[in-house]
Amino acid sequence: MNAHKIILLFIALVISTAGFAQQKPKQKTKEEIEALRVAYITKKLNLTSAEAQTFWPVYNEYTQKRETLRKEHKEKIKKYKAAVDEMTDAEAQEYIEAEMTFRQKDLDLQKDLYKKLKGVLPAKKIVLLAKAEEEFKKLLLEGLGGNDKPDGK
């Protein structure tokens, strides 16, 4: 009878250990994601040391401005998204104008980035930047491909 209890205890221990092993990995902090993004973009653009020194301050300023713009926009349109079905025509017009203003400001930020990067990077690397940004977003959405390597492989 004691052997049965030991076997049952062993089985319970194995089952509980398997349950812990299947837990999701810890979510990455904003700082960890930022470090992965920097490594990923640097690798994909094949930045030289000189390029990286001038590129990252320009790019970081752009991403900070874009994040601020998106936060402001999100707050501004929150009231509209909550009650789209009950929206008046006047509110719908305000919403449309807010969207167009946001998109124009976002485009203006992108144009400004391009102007600044023209003197820092060859055109091909600027094109590769947009591609690398999209790939990195996709990797984030996929959980970095099941690993912590920012190389996308």
C-alpha atoms as a PDB file:
ATOM      1  CA  MET A   1       0.000   0.000   0.000  1.00  0.00           C
ATOM      2  CA  ASN A   2       2.877   2.378   0.719  1.00  0.00           C
ATOM      3  CA  ALA A   3       4.284   1.746  -2.762  1.00  0.00           C
ATOM      4  CA  HIS A   4       0.965   2.845  -4.305  1.00  0.00           C
ATOM      5  CA  LYS A   5       1.069   6.114  -2.390  1.00  0.00           C
ATOM      6  CA  ILE A   6       4.646   6.751  -3.494  1.00  0.00           C
ATOM      7  CA  ILE A   7       3.757   6.016  -7.124  1.00  0.00           C
ATOM      8  CA  LEU A   8       0.712   8.319  -6.954  1.00  0.00           C
ATOM      9  CA  LEU A   9       2.815  11.039  -5.347  1.00  0.00           C
ATOM     10  CA  PHE A  10       5.465  10.610  -8.049  1.00  0.00           C
ATOM     11  CA  ILE A  11       2.835  10.831 -10.828  1.00  0.00           C
ATOM     12  CA  ALA A  12       1.318  13.947  -9.245  1.00  0.00           C
ATOM     13  CA  LEU A  13       4.773  15.521  -9.027  1.00  0.00           C
ATOM     14  CA  VAL A  14       5.518  14.752 -12.684  1.00  0.00           C
ATOM     15  CA  ILE A  15       2.171  16.168 -13.806  1.00  0.00           C
ATOM     16  CA  SER A  16       2.599  19.370 -11.786  1.00  0.00           C
ATOM     17  CA  THR A  17       6.164  19.823 -13.083  1.00  0.00           C
ATOM     18  CA  ALA A  18       4.949  19.416 -16.673  1.00  0.00           C
ATOM     19  CA  GLY A  19       2.327  22.077 -16.034  1.00  0.00           C
ATOM     20  CA  PHE A  20       4.961  24.548 -14.858  1.00  0.00           C
ATOM     21  CA  ALA A  21       7.168  23.759 -17.842  1.00  0.00           C
ATOM     22  CA  GLN A  22       4.390  24.797 -20.215  1.00  0.00           C
ATOM     23  CA  GLN A  23       3.954  28.292 -18.753  1.00  0.00           C
ATOM     24  CA  LYS A  24       4.406  31.214 -21.118  1.00  0.00           C
ATOM     25  CA  PRO A  25       7.776  32.915 -21.007  1.00  0.00           C
ATOM     26  CA  LYS A  26       8.006  36.148 -19.062  1.00  0.00           C
ATOM     27  CA  GLN A  27       6.986  39.203 -21.076  1.00  0.00           C
ATOM     28  CA  LYS A  28       9.818  41.447 -22.109  1.00  0.00           C
ATOM     29  CA  THR A  29      10.137  44.917 -20.641  1.00  0.00           C
ATOM     30  CA  LYS A  30      10.046  48.008 -22.811  1.00  0.00           C
ATOM     31  CA  GLU A  31      13.805  48.366 -22.327  1.00  0.00           C
ATOM     32  CA  GLU A  32      14.447  44.768 -23.443  1.00  0.00           C
ATOM     33  CA  ILE A  33      12.295  45.259 -26.535  1.00  0.00           C
ATOM     34  CA  GLU A  34      14.117  48.501 -27.319  1.00  0.00           C
ATOM     35  CA  ALA A  35      17.499  46.762 -27.050  1.00  0.00           C
ATOM     36  CA  LEU A  36      16.293  44.001 -29.368  1.00  0.00           C
ATOM     37  CA  ARG A  37      14.969  46.598 -31.828  1.00  0.00           C
ATOM     38  CA  VAL A  38      18.302  48.449 -31.861  1.00  0.00           C
ATOM     39  CA  ALA A  39      20.215  45.211 -32.433  1.00  0.00           C
ATOM     40  CA  TYR A  40      17.802  44.065 -35.135  1.00  0.00           C
ATOM     41  CA  ILE A  41      17.831  47.336 -37.084  1.00  0.00           C
ATOM     42  CA  THR A  42      21.592  47.751 -36.735  1.00  0.00           C
ATOM     43  CA  LYS A  43      22.115  44.255 -38.121  1.00  0.00           C
ATOM     44  CA  LYS A  44      19.556  44.549 -40.932  1.00  0.00           C
ATOM     45  CA  LEU A  45      20.938  47.912 -42.078  1.00  0.00           C
ATOM     46  CA  ASN A  46      24.515  46.695 -41.627  1.00  0.00           C
ATOM     47  CA  LEU A  47      25.372  50.026 -40.018  1.00  0.00           C
ATOM     48  CA  THR A  48      29.001  50.998 -39.736  1.00  0.00           C
ATOM     49  CA  SER A  49      30.135  52.533 -36.443  1.00  0.00           C
ATOM     50  CA  ALA A  50      30.115  56.012 -37.989  1.00  0.00           C
ATOM     51  CA  GLU A  51      26.638  55.496 -39.459  1.00  0.00           C
ATOM     52  CA  ALA A  52      25.289  54.154 -36.179  1.00  0.00           C
ATOM     53  CA  GLN A  53      26.636  57.155 -34.245  1.00  0.00           C
ATOM     54  CA  THR A  54      24.732  59.596 -36.451  1.00  0.00           C
ATOM     55  CA  PHE A  55      21.727  57.392 -37.274  1.00  0.00           C
ATOM     56  CA  TRP A  56      20.527  56.454 -33.780  1.00  0.00           C
ATOM     57  CA  PRO A  57      20.117  59.977 -32.352  1.00  0.00           C
ATOM     58  CA  VAL A  58      18.084  61.007 -35.431  1.00  0.00           C
ATOM     59  CA  TYR A  59      16.022  57.819 -35.412  1.00  0.00           C
ATOM     60  CA  ASN A  60      15.423  57.911 -31.644  1.00  0.00           C
ATOM     61  CA  GLU A  61      14.203  61.505 -31.868  1.00  0.00           C
ATOM     62  CA  TYR A  62      11.813  60.449 -34.636  1.00  0.00           C
ATOM     63  CA  THR A  63      10.461  57.460 -32.696  1.00  0.00           C
ATOM     64  CA  GLN A  64       9.965  59.602 -29.577  1.00  0.00           C
ATOM     65  CA  LYS A  65       8.048  62.246 -31.538  1.00  0.00           C
ATOM     66  CA  ARG A  66       5.981  59.573 -33.265  1.00  0.00           C
ATOM     67  CA  GLU A  67       5.138  57.887 -29.967  1.00  0.00           C
ATOM     68  CA  THR A  68       4.054  61.243 -28.497  1.00  0.00           C
ATOM     69  CA  LEU A  69       1.917  61.949 -31.564  1.00  0.00           C
ATOM     70  CA  ARG A  70       0.252  58.528 -31.345  1.00  0.00           C
ATOM     71  CA  LYS A  71      -0.480  58.895 -27.634  1.00  0.00           C
ATOM     72  CA  GLU A  72      -2.030  62.318 -28.176  1.00  0.00           C
ATOM     73  CA  HIS A  73      -4.099  60.987 -31.068  1.00  0.00           C
ATOM     74  CA  LYS A  74      -5.262  57.974 -29.091  1.00  0.00           C
ATOM     75  CA  GLU A  75      -6.477  60.209 -26.266  1.00  0.00           C
ATOM     76  CA  LYS A  76      -8.167  62.584 -28.691  1.00  0.00           C
ATOM     77  CA  ILE A  77     -10.168  59.901 -30.496  1.00  0.00           C
ATOM     78  CA  LYS A  78     -10.946  57.718 -27.491  1.00  0.00           C
ATOM     79  CA  LYS A  79     -14.331  59.422 -27.015  1.00  0.00           C
ATOM     80  CA  TYR A  80     -15.306  58.750 -30.631  1.00  0.00           C
ATOM     81  CA  LYS A  81     -14.350  55.074 -30.697  1.00  0.00           C
ATOM     82  CA  ALA A  82     -16.372  54.354 -27.582  1.00  0.00           C
ATOM     83  CA  ALA A  83     -19.634  55.470 -29.179  1.00  0.00           C
ATOM     84  CA  VAL A  84     -19.301  55.127 -32.943  1.00  0.00           C
ATOM     85  CA  ASP A  85     -22.889  53.925 -33.358  1.00  0.00           C
ATOM     86  CA  GLU A  86     -24.296  56.908 -31.439  1.00  0.00           C
ATOM     87  CA  MET A  87     -22.095  59.493 -33.172  1.00  0.00           C
ATOM     88  CA  THR A  88     -23.725  62.575 -34.677  1.00  0.00           C
ATOM     89  CA  ASP A  89     -22.696  63.784 -38.113  1.00  0.00           C
ATOM     90  CA  ALA A  90     -20.812  66.657 -36.497  1.00  0.00           C
ATOM     91  CA  GLU A  91     -18.885  64.237 -34.252  1.00  0.00           C
ATOM     92  CA  ALA A  92     -18.196  61.981 -37.233  1.00  0.00           C
ATOM     93  CA  GLN A  93     -16.786  64.973 -39.088  1.00  0.00           C
ATOM     94  CA  GLU A  94     -14.580  65.867 -36.093  1.00  0.00           C
ATOM     95  CA  TYR A  95     -13.367  62.262 -35.967  1.00  0.00           C
ATOM     96  CA  ILE A  96     -12.531  62.243 -39.695  1.00  0.00           C
ATOM     97  CA  GLU A  97     -10.672  65.538 -39.383  1.00  0.00           C
ATOM     98  CA  ALA A  98      -8.748  64.266 -36.356  1.00  0.00           C
ATOM     99  CA  GLU A  99      -7.735  61.168 -38.347  1.00  0.00           C
ATOM    100  CA  MET A 100      -6.604  63.230 -41.332  1.00  0.00           C
ATOM    101  CA  THR A 101      -4.654  65.617 -39.102  1.00  0.00           C
ATOM    102  CA  PHE A 102      -2.959  62.693 -37.371  1.00  0.00           C
ATOM    103  CA  ARG A 103      -2.035  61.043 -40.657  1.00  0.00           C
ATOM    104  CA  GLN A 104      -0.633  64.292 -42.042  1.00  0.00           C
ATOM    105  CA  LYS A 105       1.468  64.901 -38.919  1.00  0.00           C
ATOM    106  CA  ASP A 106       2.716  61.297 -39.070  1.00  0.00           C
ATOM    107  CA  LEU A 107       3.637  61.750 -42.729  1.00  0.00           C
ATOM    108  CA  ASP A 108       5.389  65.024 -41.897  1.00  0.00           C
ATOM    109  CA  LEU A 109       7.453  63.202 -39.251  1.00  0.00           C
ATOM    110  CA  GLN A 110       8.409  60.545 -41.805  1.00  0.00           C
ATOM    111  CA  LYS A 111       9.392  63.195 -44.360  1.00  0.00           C
ATOM    112  CA  ASP A 112      11.507  64.970 -41.741  1.00  0.00           C
ATOM    113  CA  LEU A 113      13.211  61.675 -40.857  1.00  0.00           C
ATOM    114  CA  TYR A 114      13.972  61.037 -44.511  1.00  0.00           C
ATOM    115  CA  LYS A 115      15.488  64.524 -44.948  1.00  0.00           C
ATOM    116  CA  LYS A 116      17.693  64.020 -41.911  1.00  0.00           C
ATOM    117  CA  LEU A 117      18.736  60.481 -42.865  1.00  0.00           C
ATOM    118  CA  LYS A 118      19.648  61.459 -46.442  1.00  0.00           C
ATOM    119  CA  GLY A 119      22.820  63.030 -45.113  1.00  0.00           C
ATOM    120  CA  VAL A 120      23.579  60.080 -42.847  1.00  0.00           C
ATOM    121  CA  LEU A 121      22.773  56.908 -44.782  1.00  0.00           C
ATOM    122  CA  PRO A 122      22.730  55.769 -48.391  1.00  0.00           C
ATOM    123  CA  ALA A 123      19.221  55.647 -49.912  1.00  0.00           C
ATOM    124  CA  LYS A 124      19.219  51.838 -49.955  1.00  0.00           C
ATOM    125  CA  LYS A 125      19.711  51.688 -46.185  1.00  0.00           C
ATOM    126  CA  ILE A 126      16.824  54.125 -45.709  1.00  0.00           C
ATOM    127  CA  VAL A 127      14.617  51.768 -47.718  1.00  0.00           C
ATOM    128  CA  LEU A 128      15.921  48.829 -45.689  1.00  0.00           C
ATOM    129  CA  LEU A 129      14.989  50.709 -42.507  1.00  0.00           C
ATOM    130  CA  ALA A 130      11.288  50.640 -43.381  1.00  0.00           C
ATOM    131  CA  LYS A 131      11.551  46.938 -44.167  1.00  0.00           C
ATOM    132  CA  ALA A 132      13.424  46.216 -40.932  1.00  0.00           C
ATOM    133  CA  GLU A 133      10.811  48.121 -38.895  1.00  0.00           C
ATOM    134  CA  GLU A 134       7.996  46.038 -40.402  1.00  0.00           C
ATOM    135  CA  GLU A 135       9.887  42.788 -39.900  1.00  0.00           C
ATOM    136  CA  PHE A 136      10.622  43.649 -36.277  1.00  0.00           C
ATOM    137  CA  LYS A 137       6.962  44.482 -35.602  1.00  0.00           C
ATOM    138  CA  LYS A 138       5.993  41.142 -37.123  1.00  0.00           C
ATOM    139  CA  LEU A 139       8.538  39.329 -34.955  1.00  0.00           C
ATOM    140  CA  LEU A 140       7.166  41.049 -31.856  1.00  0.00           C
ATOM    141  CA  LEU A 141       3.641  40.013 -32.748  1.00  0.00           C
ATOM    142  CA  GLU A 142       4.830  36.447 -33.271  1.00  0.00           C
ATOM    143  CA  GLY A 143       6.634  36.451 -29.922  1.00  0.00           C
ATOM    144  CA  LEU A 144      10.053  36.947 -31.488  1.00  0.00           C
ATOM    145  CA  GLY A 145       9.741  33.676 -33.332  1.00  0.00           C
ATOM    146  CA  GLY A 146       9.842  31.660 -30.116  1.00  0.00           C
ATOM    147  CA  ASN A 147      13.332  32.773 -29.175  1.00  0.00           C
ATOM    148  CA  ASP A 148      15.183  35.810 -27.911  1.00  0.00           C
ATOM    149  CA  LYS A 149      17.390  36.257 -30.961  1.00  0.00           C
ATOM    150  CA  PRO A 150      16.692  39.507 -32.812  1.00  0.00           C
ATOM    151  CA  ASP A 151      18.035  38.154 -36.119  1.00  0.00           C
ATOM    152  CA  GLY A 152      14.677  36.973 -37.435  1.00  0.00           C
ATOM    153  CA  LYS A 153      15.961  33.456 -38.267  1.00  0.00           C
END
